[in-house]
Amino acid sequence: MYKELLGYKIFSDNKEELLKEIENKKRVNIISGNPEVLYNGIKNEFLRNSFTKEDALIIPDGVGTLLAAKINGIDITEKIAGIEVMNMLLEEARDKNLKVFLLGAKEETLIKCKEKIKESYDGINIVGSNNGFFDLDNCDDLIEKINESKADILFVAMGAPRQEVFIEKYKDKLCCKIFMGVGGSFDVFAGNVNRAPQFMINIGMEWLYRVAKEPWRIKRLGSIPKFLVLSLKERGKR
């Protein structure tokens, strides 16, 4: 169910088994394991400690991660995108009446995101929200707000590494069972940006579509070759 890559335990089964694994855990921090996020962990001890804890569940999000696994002879069943897991959890939340809190993005995006989620998942219980513009070192009021909502699931959309830092820094003070950093997913739900066409997702080219639509993302691709170089070095040690 898990395979080791560069010191990380990467979930290696399918989406159905992933959902079972999340349900079986008392508490879980779901990490979208794309090369940028995993490379951040390699270079940042605070994040690496977070990503290797017992409550961490790293999903193979991105063709770069799958390629790194292949380089090292590691079999991963399928790429699992963070937004797909978010959709799965929203469906679970609706069906089981779990409470959801949305944290991140601009206020106008957050409002539209909530509306779209409620339209798509009729009856879902979104118990609170907060935009992503706050001081990470002064979160007492925000922590109180989340805890008062009694949220079961916290989605954090503030981009890497800010969202991962927030979750690790404060998760032990929060009531939630499921934590997940979801990057730009609120923008997708709000309709600000679209996912790639399905055929591009299927052939692992969603990243190219996103860069074409949002050219500023190109600077973030630099972590991919660095991550793959580390993967090649790892293969040499095996």
C-alpha atoms as a PDB file:
ATOM      1  CA  MET A   1       0.000   0.000   0.000  1.00  0.00           C
ATOM      2  CA  TYR A   2       3.002   2.286   0.575  1.00  0.00           C
ATOM      3  CA  LYS A   3       6.318   2.434  -1.255  1.00  0.00           C
ATOM      4  CA  GLU A   4       9.422   4.279  -0.065  1.00  0.00           C
ATOM      5  CA  LEU A   5      10.912   7.002  -2.249  1.00  0.00           C
ATOM      6  CA  LEU A   6      13.626   9.411  -1.088  1.00  0.00           C
ATOM      7  CA  GLY A   7      12.746   8.654   2.521  1.00  0.00           C
ATOM      8  CA  TYR A   8       9.024   9.240   2.020  1.00  0.00           C
ATOM      9  CA  LYS A   9       6.265   6.644   2.256  1.00  0.00           C
ATOM     10  CA  ILE A  10       4.181   7.197  -0.885  1.00  0.00           C
ATOM     11  CA  PHE A  11       0.692   5.726  -1.147  1.00  0.00           C
ATOM     12  CA  SER A  12       0.879   3.259  -4.029  1.00  0.00           C
ATOM     13  CA  ASP A  13      -2.603   1.768  -4.367  1.00  0.00           C
ATOM     14  CA  ASN A  14      -5.740   3.031  -6.134  1.00  0.00           C
ATOM     15  CA  LYS A  15      -8.238   5.742  -5.146  1.00  0.00           C
ATOM     16  CA  GLU A  16     -10.734   3.291  -3.663  1.00  0.00           C
ATOM     17  CA  GLU A  17      -8.105   1.890  -1.299  1.00  0.00           C
ATOM     18  CA  LEU A  18      -6.967   5.427  -0.489  1.00  0.00           C
ATOM     19  CA  LEU A  19     -10.433   6.321   0.754  1.00  0.00           C
ATOM     20  CA  LYS A  20     -10.476   3.213   2.955  1.00  0.00           C
ATOM     21  CA  GLU A  21      -7.057   4.128   4.340  1.00  0.00           C
ATOM     22  CA  ILE A  22      -8.228   7.648   5.200  1.00  0.00           C
ATOM     23  CA  GLU A  23     -11.320   6.260   6.938  1.00  0.00           C
ATOM     24  CA  ASN A  24      -9.217   3.805   8.949  1.00  0.00           C
ATOM     25  CA  LYS A  25      -6.905   6.474  10.327  1.00  0.00           C
ATOM     26  CA  LYS A  26      -7.787   8.207  13.581  1.00  0.00           C
ATOM     27  CA  ARG A  27      -6.240  11.414  12.237  1.00  0.00           C
ATOM     28  CA  VAL A  28      -4.634  12.100   8.879  1.00  0.00           C
ATOM     29  CA  ASN A  29      -2.656  14.812   7.109  1.00  0.00           C
ATOM     30  CA  ILE A  30      -3.095  14.232   3.371  1.00  0.00           C
ATOM     31  CA  ILE A  31      -0.151  15.618   1.412  1.00  0.00           C
ATOM     32  CA  SER A  32      -0.291  16.111  -2.345  1.00  0.00           C
ATOM     33  CA  GLY A  33       3.066  14.573  -3.173  1.00  0.00           C
ATOM     34  CA  ASN A  34       4.066  16.390  -6.338  1.00  0.00           C
ATOM     35  CA  PRO A  35       7.780  17.081  -6.935  1.00  0.00           C
ATOM     36  CA  GLU A  36       7.541  20.670  -5.671  1.00  0.00           C
ATOM     37  CA  VAL A  37       6.003  19.678  -2.336  1.00  0.00           C
ATOM     38  CA  LEU A  38       8.316  16.696  -1.810  1.00  0.00           C
ATOM     39  CA  TYR A  39      11.386  18.711  -2.790  1.00  0.00           C
ATOM     40  CA  ASN A  40      10.345  21.376  -0.263  1.00  0.00           C
ATOM     41  CA  GLY A  41      10.363  18.636   2.353  1.00  0.00           C
ATOM     42  CA  ILE A  42      13.831  17.480   1.380  1.00  0.00           C
ATOM     43  CA  LYS A  43      15.193  21.018   1.762  1.00  0.00           C
ATOM     44  CA  ASN A  44      13.187  21.982   4.866  1.00  0.00           C
ATOM     45  CA  GLU A  45      13.606  19.932   8.043  1.00  0.00           C
ATOM     46  CA  PHE A  46      10.326  21.182   9.553  1.00  0.00           C
ATOM     47  CA  LEU A  47       8.381  19.973   6.523  1.00  0.00           C
ATOM     48  CA  ARG A  48      10.338  16.739   6.203  1.00  0.00           C
ATOM     49  CA  ASN A  49       9.499  15.878   9.804  1.00  0.00           C
ATOM     50  CA  SER A  50       5.854  16.617   9.019  1.00  0.00           C
ATOM     51  CA  PHE A  51       5.829  14.495   5.863  1.00  0.00           C
ATOM     52  CA  THR A  52       7.352  11.488   7.631  1.00  0.00           C
ATOM     53  CA  LYS A  53       5.111  11.435  10.704  1.00  0.00           C
ATOM     54  CA  GLU A  54       2.669   8.627  11.412  1.00  0.00           C
ATOM     55  CA  ASP A  55      -0.342  10.784  10.507  1.00  0.00           C
ATOM     56  CA  ALA A  56       1.083  11.773   7.098  1.00  0.00           C
ATOM     57  CA  LEU A  57      -0.461  10.255   3.978  1.00  0.00           C
ATOM     58  CA  ILE A  58       1.396  11.244   0.820  1.00  0.00           C
ATOM     59  CA  ILE A  59      -0.496  10.761  -2.434  1.00  0.00           C
ATOM     60  CA  PRO A  60       1.381  10.453  -5.765  1.00  0.00           C
ATOM     61  CA  ASP A  61       0.189  13.735  -7.284  1.00  0.00           C
ATOM     62  CA  GLY A  62       2.064  14.474 -10.482  1.00  0.00           C
ATOM     63  CA  VAL A  63       3.819  12.706 -13.330  1.00  0.00           C
ATOM     64  CA  GLY A  64       7.161  13.824 -11.890  1.00  0.00           C
ATOM     65  CA  THR A  65       6.534  11.722  -8.795  1.00  0.00           C
ATOM     66  CA  LEU A  66       5.505   8.730 -10.897  1.00  0.00           C
ATOM     67  CA  LEU A  67       8.621   9.132 -13.047  1.00  0.00           C
ATOM     68  CA  ALA A  68      10.836   9.309  -9.954  1.00  0.00           C
ATOM     69  CA  ALA A  69       9.222   6.113  -8.712  1.00  0.00           C
ATOM     70  CA  LYS A  70       9.754   4.408 -12.077  1.00  0.00           C
ATOM     71  CA  ILE A  71      13.411   5.458 -12.093  1.00  0.00           C
ATOM     72  CA  ASN A  72      13.785   3.576  -8.816  1.00  0.00           C
ATOM     73  CA  GLY A  73      11.818   0.520  -9.907  1.00  0.00           C
ATOM     74  CA  ILE A  74       8.890   1.389  -7.650  1.00  0.00           C
ATOM     75  CA  ASP A  75       5.422   0.371  -8.797  1.00  0.00           C
ATOM     76  CA  ILE A  76       2.705   2.951  -8.111  1.00  0.00           C
ATOM     77  CA  THR A  77      -0.771   2.020  -9.333  1.00  0.00           C
ATOM     78  CA  GLU A  78      -1.927   5.450 -10.491  1.00  0.00           C
ATOM     79  CA  LYS A  79      -1.446   9.182 -10.230  1.00  0.00           C
ATOM     80  CA  ILE A  80      -3.861  10.615  -7.674  1.00  0.00           C
ATOM     81  CA  ALA A  81      -4.472  14.339  -8.048  1.00  0.00           C
ATOM     82  CA  GLY A  82      -5.179  16.379  -4.946  1.00  0.00           C
ATOM     83  CA  ILE A  83      -8.374  17.863  -6.363  1.00  0.00           C
ATOM     84  CA  GLU A  84      -9.675  14.351  -7.063  1.00  0.00           C
ATOM     85  CA  VAL A  85      -9.138  13.422  -3.418  1.00  0.00           C
ATOM     86  CA  MET A  86     -10.825  16.651  -2.351  1.00  0.00           C
ATOM     87  CA  ASN A  87     -13.839  15.692  -4.467  1.00  0.00           C
ATOM     88  CA  MET A  88     -13.892  12.229  -2.917  1.00  0.00           C
ATOM     89  CA  LEU A  89     -13.801  13.696   0.577  1.00  0.00           C
ATOM     90  CA  LEU A  90     -16.524  16.225  -0.208  1.00  0.00           C
ATOM     91  CA  GLU A  91     -18.713  13.348  -1.368  1.00  0.00           C
ATOM     92  CA  GLU A  92     -17.958  11.467   1.850  1.00  0.00           C
ATOM     93  CA  ALA A  93     -18.696  14.588   3.893  1.00  0.00           C
ATOM     94  CA  ARG A  94     -22.079  14.988   2.207  1.00  0.00           C
ATOM     95  CA  ASP A  95     -23.026  11.331   2.570  1.00  0.00           C
ATOM     96  CA  LYS A  96     -21.873  11.000   6.201  1.00  0.00           C
ATOM     97  CA  ASN A  97     -22.748  14.528   7.366  1.00  0.00           C
ATOM     98  CA  LEU A  98     -19.146  15.412   8.174  1.00  0.00           C
ATOM     99  CA  LYS A  99     -18.408  19.063   8.882  1.00  0.00           C
ATOM    100  CA  VAL A 100     -16.134  20.917   6.433  1.00  0.00           C
ATOM    101  CA  PHE A 101     -14.061  24.078   6.951  1.00  0.00           C
ATOM    102  CA  LEU A 102     -12.482  25.904   3.994  1.00  0.00           C
ATOM    103  CA  LEU A 103      -9.306  27.913   4.620  1.00  0.00           C
ATOM    104  CA  GLY A 104      -7.434  29.876   1.973  1.00  0.00           C
ATOM    105  CA  ALA A 105      -7.634  31.908  -1.245  1.00  0.00           C
ATOM    106  CA  LYS A 106      -9.001  35.434  -1.634  1.00  0.00           C
ATOM    107  CA  GLU A 107     -12.336  36.249  -0.021  1.00  0.00           C
ATOM    108  CA  GLU A 108     -14.198  36.563  -3.332  1.00  0.00           C
ATOM    109  CA  THR A 109     -12.780  33.237  -4.526  1.00  0.00           C
ATOM    110  CA  LEU A 110     -13.699  31.610  -1.232  1.00  0.00           C
ATOM    111  CA  ILE A 111     -17.300  32.801  -1.480  1.00  0.00           C
ATOM    112  CA  LYS A 112     -17.667  31.448  -5.031  1.00  0.00           C
ATOM    113  CA  CYS A 113     -15.948  28.208  -4.050  1.00  0.00           C
ATOM    114  CA  LYS A 114     -18.415  27.627  -1.212  1.00  0.00           C
ATOM    115  CA  GLU A 115     -21.363  28.313  -3.488  1.00  0.00           C
ATOM    116  CA  LYS A 116     -20.138  25.885  -6.152  1.00  0.00           C
ATOM    117  CA  ILE A 117     -19.395  23.144  -3.632  1.00  0.00           C
ATOM    118  CA  LYS A 118     -22.877  23.498  -2.157  1.00  0.00           C
ATOM    119  CA  GLU A 119     -24.354  23.286  -5.656  1.00  0.00           C
ATOM    120  CA  SER A 120     -22.312  20.203  -6.541  1.00  0.00           C
ATOM    121  CA  TYR A 121     -22.753  18.437  -3.198  1.00  0.00           C
ATOM    122  CA  ASP A 122     -26.306  19.224  -2.189  1.00  0.00           C
ATOM    123  CA  GLY A 123     -26.735  19.041   1.578  1.00  0.00           C
ATOM    124  CA  ILE A 124     -23.028  19.287   2.408  1.00  0.00           C
ATOM    125  CA  ASN A 125     -22.307  20.905   5.769  1.00  0.00           C
ATOM    126  CA  ILE A 126     -19.725  23.674   5.322  1.00  0.00           C
ATOM    127  CA  VAL A 127     -19.453  24.959   8.879  1.00  0.00           C
ATOM    128  CA  GLY A 128     -16.959  27.765   8.309  1.00  0.00           C
ATOM    129  CA  SER A 129     -14.410  29.453   6.100  1.00  0.00           C
ATOM    130  CA  ASN A 130     -11.587  31.963   6.237  1.00  0.00           C
ATOM    131  CA  ASN A 131      -9.452  33.535   3.519  1.00  0.00           C
ATOM    132  CA  GLY A 132      -5.748  32.763   3.341  1.00  0.00           C
ATOM    133  CA  PHE A 133      -4.423  36.225   4.156  1.00  0.00           C
ATOM    134  CA  PHE A 134      -3.219  36.155   7.744  1.00  0.00           C
ATOM    135  CA  ASP A 135      -0.003  36.008   9.755  1.00  0.00           C
ATOM    136  CA  LEU A 136       1.096  32.390  10.212  1.00  0.00           C
ATOM    137  CA  ASP A 137       2.604  33.287  13.578  1.00  0.00           C
ATOM    138  CA  ASN A 138      -0.576  34.869  14.960  1.00  0.00           C
ATOM    139  CA  CYS A 139      -3.388  32.391  14.485  1.00  0.00           C
ATOM    140  CA  ASP A 140      -5.082  32.212  17.899  1.00  0.00           C
ATOM    141  CA  ASP A 141      -8.358  33.718  16.656  1.00  0.00           C
ATOM    142  CA  LEU A 142      -8.364  31.498  13.571  1.00  0.00           C
ATOM    143  CA  ILE A 143      -7.685  28.369  15.630  1.00  0.00           C
ATOM    144  CA  GLU A 144     -10.568  29.308  17.917  1.00  0.00           C
ATOM    145  CA  LYS A 145     -12.837  29.896  14.906  1.00  0.00           C
ATOM    146  CA  ILE A 146     -12.058  26.482  13.413  1.00  0.00           C
ATOM    147  CA  ASN A 147     -12.487  24.687  16.737  1.00  0.00           C
ATOM    148  CA  GLU A 148     -15.789  26.420  17.447  1.00  0.00           C
ATOM    149  CA  SER A 149     -17.040  25.123  14.089  1.00  0.00           C
ATOM    150  CA  LYS A 150     -16.294  21.543  15.209  1.00  0.00           C
ATOM    151  CA  ALA A 151     -15.051  20.785  11.694  1.00  0.00           C
ATOM    152  CA  ASP A 152     -14.135  17.200  10.828  1.00  0.00           C
ATOM    153  CA  ILE A 153     -12.313  18.099   7.598  1.00  0.00           C
ATOM    154  CA  LEU A 154     -10.049  21.113   7.004  1.00  0.00           C
ATOM    155  CA  PHE A 155      -9.090  21.982   3.436  1.00  0.00           C
ATOM    156  CA  VAL A 156      -6.230  24.498   3.248  1.00  0.00           C
ATOM    157  CA  ALA A 157      -5.705  26.278  -0.080  1.00  0.00           C
ATOM    158  CA  MET A 158      -2.719  28.576   0.348  1.00  0.00           C
ATOM    159  CA  GLY A 159      -0.126  27.031  -1.958  1.00  0.00           C
ATOM    160  CA  ALA A 160       3.098  25.233  -1.083  1.00  0.00           C
ATOM    161  CA  PRO A 161       4.788  25.449   1.314  1.00  0.00           C
ATOM    162  CA  ARG A 162       2.528  27.861   3.257  1.00  0.00           C
ATOM    163  CA  GLN A 163      -0.394  25.443   3.540  1.00  0.00           C
ATOM    164  CA  GLU A 164       1.812  22.553   4.685  1.00  0.00           C
ATOM    165  CA  VAL A 165       3.509  24.774   7.264  1.00  0.00           C
ATOM    166  CA  PHE A 166       0.150  25.920   8.645  1.00  0.00           C
ATOM    167  CA  ILE A 167      -1.171  22.377   8.963  1.00  0.00           C
ATOM    168  CA  GLU A 168       1.925  21.051  10.695  1.00  0.00           C
ATOM    169  CA  LYS A 169       2.209  24.055  12.987  1.00  0.00           C
ATOM    170  CA  TYR A 170      -1.367  23.993  14.220  1.00  0.00           C
ATOM    171  CA  LYS A 171      -2.952  20.595  13.614  1.00  0.00           C
ATOM    172  CA  ASP A 172      -2.381  19.445  17.192  1.00  0.00           C
ATOM    173  CA  LYS A 173      -4.373  22.459  18.401  1.00  0.00           C
ATOM    174  CA  LEU A 174      -7.288  21.754  16.073  1.00  0.00           C
ATOM    175  CA  CYS A 175     -10.333  19.516  16.420  1.00  0.00           C
ATOM    176  CA  CYS A 176     -10.287  18.230  12.837  1.00  0.00           C
ATOM    177  CA  LYS A 177      -9.706  14.602  11.900  1.00  0.00           C
ATOM    178  CA  ILE A 178      -8.721  15.153   8.266  1.00  0.00           C
ATOM    179  CA  PHE A 179      -6.310  17.849   7.083  1.00  0.00           C
ATOM    180  CA  MET A 180      -5.439  18.459   3.456  1.00  0.00           C
ATOM    181  CA  GLY A 181      -3.472  21.113   1.603  1.00  0.00           C
ATOM    182  CA  VAL A 182      -5.247  21.599  -1.719  1.00  0.00           C
ATOM    183  CA  GLY A 183      -3.248  24.312  -3.505  1.00  0.00           C
ATOM    184  CA  GLY A 184      -5.288  26.079  -6.163  1.00  0.00           C
ATOM    185  CA  SER A 185      -8.345  23.837  -5.875  1.00  0.00           C
ATOM    186  CA  PHE A 186     -10.567  26.624  -4.530  1.00  0.00           C
ATOM    187  CA  ASP A 187      -9.882  28.552  -7.751  1.00  0.00           C
ATOM    188  CA  VAL A 188     -10.997  25.531  -9.765  1.00  0.00           C
ATOM    189  CA  PHE A 189     -14.217  25.162  -7.790  1.00  0.00           C
ATOM    190  CA  ALA A 190     -14.844  28.908  -8.030  1.00  0.00           C
ATOM    191  CA  GLY A 191     -14.478  28.750 -11.812  1.00  0.00           C
ATOM    192  CA  ASN A 192     -11.462  31.068 -11.889  1.00  0.00           C
ATOM    193  CA  VAL A 193      -9.380  28.376 -13.602  1.00  0.00           C
ATOM    194  CA  ASN A 194     -10.250  25.102 -15.303  1.00  0.00           C
ATOM    195  CA  ARG A 195      -8.642  21.700 -15.070  1.00  0.00           C
ATOM    196  CA  ALA A 196      -7.048  20.401 -18.242  1.00  0.00           C
ATOM    197  CA  PRO A 197      -9.163  18.422 -20.732  1.00  0.00           C
ATOM    198  CA  GLN A 198      -9.490  14.796 -19.657  1.00  0.00           C
ATOM    199  CA  PHE A 199      -7.237  13.486 -22.448  1.00  0.00           C
ATOM    200  CA  MET A 200      -4.389  15.714 -21.187  1.00  0.00           C
ATOM    201  CA  ILE A 201      -4.951  14.497 -17.630  1.00  0.00           C
ATOM    202  CA  ASN A 202      -4.900  10.892 -18.877  1.00  0.00           C
ATOM    203  CA  ILE A 203      -1.528  11.285 -20.627  1.00  0.00           C
ATOM    204  CA  GLY A 204       0.058  13.187 -17.740  1.00  0.00           C
ATOM    205  CA  MET A 205       0.165  16.589 -19.429  1.00  0.00           C
ATOM    206  CA  GLU A 206      -2.079  18.553 -17.087  1.00  0.00           C
ATOM    207  CA  TRP A 207       0.972  20.508 -15.906  1.00  0.00           C
ATOM    208  CA  LEU A 208       1.530  21.811 -19.463  1.00  0.00           C
ATOM    209  CA  TYR A 209      -2.067  22.997 -19.703  1.00  0.00           C
ATOM    210  CA  ARG A 210      -1.770  24.814 -16.382  1.00  0.00           C
ATOM    211  CA  VAL A 211       1.461  26.539 -17.395  1.00  0.00           C
ATOM    212  CA  ALA A 212      -0.090  27.609 -20.701  1.00  0.00           C
ATOM    213  CA  LYS A 213      -3.041  29.119 -18.846  1.00  0.00           C
ATOM    214  CA  GLU A 214      -0.973  30.550 -15.979  1.00  0.00           C
ATOM    215  CA  PRO A 215       2.572  31.288 -17.259  1.00  0.00           C
ATOM    216  CA  TRP A 216       3.727  32.405 -13.807  1.00  0.00           C
ATOM    217  CA  ARG A 217       3.693  28.720 -12.835  1.00  0.00           C
ATOM    218  CA  ILE A 218       6.722  28.016 -15.032  1.00  0.00           C
ATOM    219  CA  LYS A 219       9.117  29.170 -12.313  1.00  0.00           C
ATOM    220  CA  ARG A 220       7.712  26.443 -10.059  1.00  0.00           C
ATOM    221  CA  LEU A 221       8.715  23.720 -12.514  1.00  0.00           C
ATOM    222  CA  GLY A 222      12.354  24.075 -11.464  1.00  0.00           C
ATOM    223  CA  SER A 223      11.801  21.669  -8.595  1.00  0.00           C
ATOM    224  CA  ILE A 224      10.969  18.826 -11.006  1.00  0.00           C
ATOM    225  CA  PRO A 225      14.469  18.306 -12.513  1.00  0.00           C
ATOM    226  CA  LYS A 226      16.024  18.767  -9.062  1.00  0.00           C
ATOM    227  CA  PHE A 227      13.707  16.126  -7.652  1.00  0.00           C
ATOM    228  CA  LEU A 228      14.453  13.748 -10.521  1.00  0.00           C
ATOM    229  CA  VAL A 229      18.216  14.216 -10.081  1.00  0.00           C
ATOM    230  CA  LEU A 230      17.834  13.207  -6.435  1.00  0.00           C
ATOM    231  CA  SER A 231      15.802  10.209  -7.598  1.00  0.00           C
ATOM    232  CA  LEU A 232      18.597   9.152  -9.954  1.00  0.00           C
ATOM    233  CA  LYS A 233      21.096   9.413  -7.104  1.00  0.00           C
ATOM    234  CA  GLU A 234      18.762   7.323  -4.967  1.00  0.00           C
ATOM    235  CA  ARG A 235      18.691   4.635  -7.658  1.00  0.00           C
ATOM    236  CA  GLY A 236      22.472   4.529  -7.586  1.00  0.00           C
ATOM    237  CA  LYS A 237      22.352   3.632  -3.884  1.00  0.00           C
ATOM    238  CA  ARG A 238      19.965   0.713  -4.344  1.00  0.00           C
END
